[in-house]
Amino acid sequence: MTETPRKHAGFAGVPPPPPPVGILLIDKPARRAVSSVTACRVVKKRLRAAGYDVKSLKIGHAGTLDPLASGLLIILIGRAATRMCNELMDGPKTYVATFDLLRTTPSDDLETEATINPLLRRPTLAEVEAALVKFRGEIMQSPPVYSAMWVDGKRSYRTARKHDRSRHEGTKGQRQDGVEAEPATHEPLPRLAERPITIRALTLISYDWPNVTIEVECSKGTYIRSLVRDIGEAITGHSAVLIELRRTAVGRYRVEDARSLEGLPETLSQADLLPVPG
């Protein structure tokens, strides 16, 4: 006997299901091709497959993760959930970060070319622990020059990339008469203005030269790249480089309760979402 095909919601006169409302916890992988926006698109596709009208459905996320960072990404679905966005973004976040004391880069991570720091000796474990003490509590922090901060009407990372391209296009130019110009000089970009942040907790997980792994609970506006840059300077006198970053918690939500993008069902329904706190 031939089975009658199931009617899809929104087709053949069947009204679409009521719009879903809730929270979806995603464990984002550390892959360049998977951004926070990409994760939202995957969720929309799964909701559309379930018959929901995603064009009229508000969907957002509570805090971007860089493409090369992994961990907890909170997807907010429906107006009641997206109203929580500011509350979640203003709340504390927890990260596990690994940084390299031997290298420095302009972007403070592995997105730009590294140089080797001229260190005379390896720092001791006691020196690493002593340096961390200075970064607990309320501190002043300068955001990375490779960030989305607005400076003089432009995104800071655009200015930094333009500067970097200019620096690598060669040190010599040509005048219109064909005579070589003098080598160009390129000063490092100045650091952005400092602003206050709060490091609620800062714990040393491991020190395996030249890498240090820490757990950080911090306030809104904290750049972990800047934090490890500055910790590196406190330990060795040179900026460190962030080589691995994982967000493990946002407020009450933890990555242990999240699902991978690959593990999402082909069709997402209300039953797959966490309720919006009352």
Protein backbone atom coordinates (compact mmCIF):
# COMPACT_ATOMS: atom_id res chain seq x y z
CA MET A 1 0.00 0.00 0.00
CA THR A 2 1.33 3.45 -0.95
CA GLU A 3 1.74 5.85 1.94
CA THR A 4 0.07 9.24 1.52
CA PRO A 5 2.66 12.05 1.63
CA ARG A 6 2.49 14.23 4.73
CA LYS A 7 1.18 17.74 4.06
CA HIS A 8 3.74 20.42 4.88
CA ALA A 9 2.68 23.36 7.01
CA GLY A 10 1.91 26.41 4.94
CA PHE A 11 1.01 24.34 1.84
CA ALA A 12 -2.25 22.92 0.42
CA GLY A 13 -4.33 25.18 2.60
CA VAL A 14 -2.71 24.08 5.86
CA PRO A 15 -1.92 27.17 7.96
CA PRO A 16 1.66 27.53 9.22
CA PRO A 17 2.33 26.59 12.85
CA PRO A 18 2.40 29.38 15.43
CA PRO A 19 5.81 31.11 15.51
CA PRO A 20 8.30 29.56 17.92
CA VAL A 21 9.67 31.51 20.87
CA GLY A 22 12.70 30.45 22.85
CA ILE A 23 16.45 30.08 23.21
CA LEU A 24 18.80 27.76 21.36
CA LEU A 25 22.28 27.08 22.73
CA ILE A 26 24.87 26.35 20.03
CA ASP A 27 28.43 25.11 20.53
CA LYS A 28 30.09 26.96 17.65
CA PRO A 29 33.18 25.31 16.15
CA ALA A 30 36.45 27.19 15.74
CA ARG A 31 36.31 27.36 11.96
CA ARG A 32 36.77 30.41 9.77
CA ALA A 33 33.78 29.38 7.62
CA VAL A 34 31.43 29.31 10.63
CA SER A 35 30.70 32.80 11.95
CA SER A 36 27.95 33.83 14.35
CA VAL A 37 25.92 35.03 11.36
CA THR A 38 26.42 31.68 9.62
CA ALA A 39 25.09 29.87 12.69
CA CYS A 40 21.96 32.05 12.63
CA ARG A 41 21.45 31.17 8.96
CA VAL A 42 21.64 27.46 9.73
CA VAL A 43 19.01 27.88 12.44
CA LYS A 44 16.75 29.82 10.08
CA LYS A 45 17.06 27.08 7.48
CA ARG A 46 16.02 24.43 10.01
CA LEU A 47 13.06 26.54 11.15
CA ARG A 48 11.99 27.14 7.54
CA ALA A 49 12.13 23.38 6.93
CA ALA A 50 9.63 22.96 9.79
CA GLY A 51 7.20 25.30 8.02
CA TYR A 52 7.77 28.47 10.01
CA ASP A 53 7.65 31.85 8.32
CA VAL A 54 11.20 32.97 9.12
CA LYS A 55 10.78 36.24 7.19
CA SER A 56 8.47 37.56 9.89
CA LEU A 57 10.30 35.88 12.76
CA LYS A 58 12.82 37.85 14.80
CA ILE A 59 16.04 35.87 15.21
CA GLY A 60 19.30 37.12 16.72
CA HIS A 61 22.24 36.12 18.89
CA ALA A 62 23.51 37.35 22.24
CA GLY A 63 27.11 38.22 21.49
CA THR A 64 29.33 37.53 18.49
CA LEU A 65 32.13 34.99 18.52
CA ASP A 66 35.10 35.48 16.22
CA PRO A 67 35.29 32.84 13.45
CA LEU A 68 38.37 31.23 15.00
CA ALA A 69 36.77 31.14 18.48
CA SER A 70 34.60 28.26 19.65
CA GLY A 71 31.99 27.76 22.30
CA LEU A 72 28.67 29.04 23.47
CA LEU A 73 26.56 31.04 21.03
CA ILE A 74 23.06 31.91 22.20
CA ILE A 75 20.44 32.12 19.43
CA LEU A 76 17.31 34.06 20.38
CA ILE A 77 14.13 33.16 18.50
CA GLY A 78 10.98 35.25 18.63
CA ARG A 79 10.35 38.74 19.96
CA ALA A 80 10.11 37.69 23.62
CA ALA A 81 13.54 36.06 23.34
CA THR A 82 15.29 38.82 21.38
CA ARG A 83 14.22 41.27 24.07
CA MET A 84 16.70 39.45 26.32
CA CYS A 85 19.63 40.36 24.07
CA ASN A 86 20.82 43.42 26.03
CA GLU A 87 20.45 41.62 29.35
CA LEU A 88 22.59 38.71 28.16
CA MET A 89 25.20 40.91 26.48
CA ASP A 90 25.46 43.11 29.58
CA GLY A 91 25.94 40.11 31.86
CA PRO A 92 29.15 38.21 32.71
CA LYS A 93 30.81 35.83 30.26
CA THR A 94 33.35 33.10 30.86
CA TYR A 95 36.16 32.08 28.50
CA VAL A 96 39.05 29.65 28.40
CA ALA A 97 41.95 31.21 26.51
CA THR A 98 45.38 29.95 25.49
CA PHE A 99 48.11 32.40 24.54
CA ASP A 100 51.70 32.23 23.32
CA LEU A 101 54.31 34.26 25.19
CA LEU A 102 56.91 33.81 22.47
CA ARG A 103 55.02 35.53 19.64
CA THR A 104 53.48 38.94 18.90
CA THR A 105 51.10 39.94 16.10
CA PRO A 106 49.43 43.26 15.13
CA SER A 107 45.96 41.75 15.67
CA ASP A 108 46.88 40.04 18.97
CA ASP A 109 45.71 36.71 17.50
CA LEU A 110 46.68 34.42 14.61
CA GLU A 111 44.91 36.50 11.94
CA THR A 112 48.09 38.46 11.15
CA GLU A 113 51.77 37.68 10.72
CA ALA A 114 53.70 36.88 13.88
CA THR A 115 57.12 38.01 15.04
CA ILE A 116 59.22 36.22 17.65
CA ASN A 117 59.77 38.02 20.94
CA PRO A 118 63.45 38.43 21.92
CA LEU A 119 63.29 36.88 25.37
CA LEU A 120 66.43 36.31 27.42
CA ARG A 121 64.93 33.52 29.52
CA ARG A 122 61.73 31.62 30.16
CA PRO A 123 59.44 33.16 32.80
CA THR A 124 58.87 31.06 35.89
CA LEU A 125 55.49 29.78 37.02
CA ALA A 126 55.64 32.19 39.97
CA GLU A 127 56.17 35.13 37.59
CA VAL A 128 53.17 34.09 35.51
CA GLU A 129 50.96 33.79 38.60
CA ALA A 130 52.19 37.13 39.96
CA ALA A 131 51.35 38.88 36.68
CA LEU A 132 47.77 37.58 36.70
CA VAL A 133 47.11 39.26 40.05
CA LYS A 134 47.35 42.69 38.36
CA PHE A 135 44.45 41.90 36.02
CA ARG A 136 41.78 40.94 38.55
CA GLY A 137 39.03 43.41 39.39
CA GLU A 138 38.33 46.66 37.55
CA ILE A 139 41.10 47.52 35.10
CA MET A 140 41.63 49.79 32.10
CA GLN A 141 41.90 48.12 28.71
CA SER A 142 42.70 49.30 25.19
CA PRO A 143 40.69 47.37 22.55
CA PRO A 144 42.67 45.69 19.74
CA VAL A 145 43.39 47.88 16.71
CA TYR A 146 41.94 44.97 14.68
CA SER A 147 38.46 45.37 16.16
CA ALA A 148 35.06 46.72 15.13
CA MET A 149 35.45 49.85 17.28
CA TRP A 150 34.54 53.11 15.55
CA VAL A 151 37.47 55.53 15.32
CA ASP A 152 37.04 58.82 13.43
CA GLY A 153 34.01 57.45 11.61
CA LYS A 154 35.71 54.22 10.48
CA ARG A 155 35.90 50.70 11.81
CA SER A 156 39.28 50.28 13.47
CA TYR A 157 40.01 46.98 11.72
CA ARG A 158 39.57 48.64 8.29
CA THR A 159 42.20 51.26 9.13
CA ALA A 160 44.49 48.55 10.54
CA ARG A 161 44.17 46.36 7.44
CA LYS A 162 44.83 49.29 5.15
CA HIS A 163 47.93 50.15 7.16
CA ASP A 164 49.07 46.51 7.04
CA ARG A 165 48.61 46.28 3.25
CA SER A 166 50.56 49.49 2.77
CA ARG A 167 53.37 48.19 4.96
CA HIS A 168 53.67 44.95 2.98
CA GLU A 169 53.34 46.34 -0.55
CA GLY A 170 57.03 47.19 -0.51
CA THR A 171 59.22 49.85 0.94
CA LYS A 172 59.88 51.54 -2.39
CA GLY A 173 57.63 53.30 -4.85
CA GLN A 174 58.13 54.89 -8.24
CA ARG A 175 57.84 58.51 -9.18
CA GLN A 176 56.11 59.38 -12.45
CA ASP A 177 59.52 60.02 -14.03
CA GLY A 178 60.53 56.42 -13.33
CA VAL A 179 62.98 57.32 -10.57
CA GLU A 180 62.69 55.23 -7.43
CA ALA A 181 61.32 57.05 -4.44
CA GLU A 182 62.84 56.86 -0.99
CA PRO A 183 61.77 53.88 1.14
CA ALA A 184 58.50 54.53 2.97
CA THR A 185 58.38 54.37 6.75
CA HIS A 186 55.40 52.90 8.56
CA GLU A 187 54.97 53.53 12.25
CA PRO A 188 52.85 51.05 14.24
CA LEU A 189 49.24 52.11 14.65
CA PRO A 190 48.61 53.81 18.00
CA ARG A 191 46.56 51.90 20.53
CA LEU A 192 42.90 52.75 20.95
CA ALA A 193 41.72 54.71 23.97
CA GLU A 194 41.50 52.76 27.19
CA ARG A 195 38.19 52.06 28.89
CA PRO A 196 37.21 50.36 32.15
CA ILE A 197 36.31 46.68 32.28
CA THR A 198 35.89 44.20 35.11
CA ILE A 199 37.66 40.86 35.40
CA ARG A 200 35.50 39.03 37.92
CA ALA A 201 37.73 35.94 38.05
CA LEU A 202 41.05 35.01 36.45
CA THR A 203 42.46 31.54 37.02
CA LEU A 204 45.62 29.91 35.71
CA ILE A 205 44.77 26.50 34.23
CA SER A 206 48.18 25.54 32.87
CA TYR A 207 51.62 26.86 31.94
CA ASP A 208 53.49 24.82 29.35
CA TRP A 209 56.12 27.08 27.85
CA PRO A 210 55.52 29.10 25.75
CA ASN A 211 51.76 28.62 26.16
CA VAL A 212 49.58 29.78 29.05
CA THR A 213 45.95 28.75 29.49
CA ILE A 214 43.61 30.79 31.68
CA GLU A 215 39.93 30.90 32.57
CA VAL A 216 38.40 34.38 32.60
CA GLU A 217 35.03 35.61 33.86
CA CYS A 218 34.60 39.15 32.62
CA SER A 219 32.23 42.04 32.06
CA LYS A 220 30.71 43.35 28.86
CA GLY A 221 33.21 45.05 26.56
CA THR A 222 36.18 42.88 27.50
CA TYR A 223 38.46 41.86 24.65
CA ILE A 224 40.26 38.64 25.51
CA ARG A 225 42.84 39.39 22.80
CA SER A 226 43.71 42.62 24.59
CA LEU A 227 43.76 40.89 27.96
CA VAL A 228 46.30 38.27 26.89
CA ARG A 229 48.30 40.92 25.03
CA ASP A 230 48.61 42.91 28.25
CA ILE A 231 49.26 39.86 30.43
CA GLY A 232 52.09 38.94 28.08
CA GLU A 233 53.59 42.41 28.49
CA ALA A 234 53.36 42.08 32.27
CA ILE A 235 55.17 38.72 32.17
CA THR A 236 57.85 39.24 29.50
CA GLY A 237 57.72 42.88 28.45
CA HIS A 238 56.30 41.84 25.05
CA SER A 239 52.73 41.35 23.81
CA ALA A 240 51.43 37.78 23.78
CA VAL A 241 49.26 36.20 21.06
CA LEU A 242 45.87 34.58 21.57
CA ILE A 243 46.01 31.15 19.88
CA GLU A 244 42.81 29.50 21.16
CA LEU A 245 39.59 30.88 22.63
CA ARG A 246 36.47 29.11 23.86
CA ARG A 247 33.43 30.74 25.45
CA THR A 248 32.07 28.45 28.13
CA ALA A 249 29.28 30.52 29.71
CA VAL A 250 27.05 33.54 29.20
CA GLY A 251 25.22 34.42 32.39
CA ARG A 252 23.27 31.35 33.51
CA TYR A 253 23.80 29.46 30.25
CA ARG A 254 26.71 27.03 29.83
CA VAL A 255 28.31 25.38 26.82
CA GLU A 256 27.81 21.92 28.34
CA ASP A 257 24.10 22.33 27.59
CA ALA A 258 24.64 23.45 23.98
CA ARG A 259 24.28 21.50 20.74
CA SER A 260 26.61 21.44 17.76
CA LEU A 261 25.38 22.84 14.46
CA GLU A 262 25.82 19.41 12.91
CA GLY A 263 23.74 17.90 15.69
CA LEU A 264 20.67 20.07 15.07
CA PRO A 265 17.65 18.24 13.66
CA GLU A 266 16.74 18.93 10.04
CA THR A 267 13.56 20.61 11.25
CA LEU A 268 13.60 22.77 14.39
CA SER A 269 10.41 23.11 16.40
CA GLN A 270 9.25 24.73 19.61
CA ALA A 271 10.15 21.53 21.47
CA ASP A 272 13.83 22.04 20.59
CA LEU A 273 14.02 25.47 22.29
CA LEU A 274 14.63 26.47 25.89
CA PRO A 275 11.88 28.62 27.39
CA VAL A 276 12.33 32.36 27.85
CA PRO A 277 12.78 33.04 31.58
CA GLY A 278 9.72 34.61 33.15
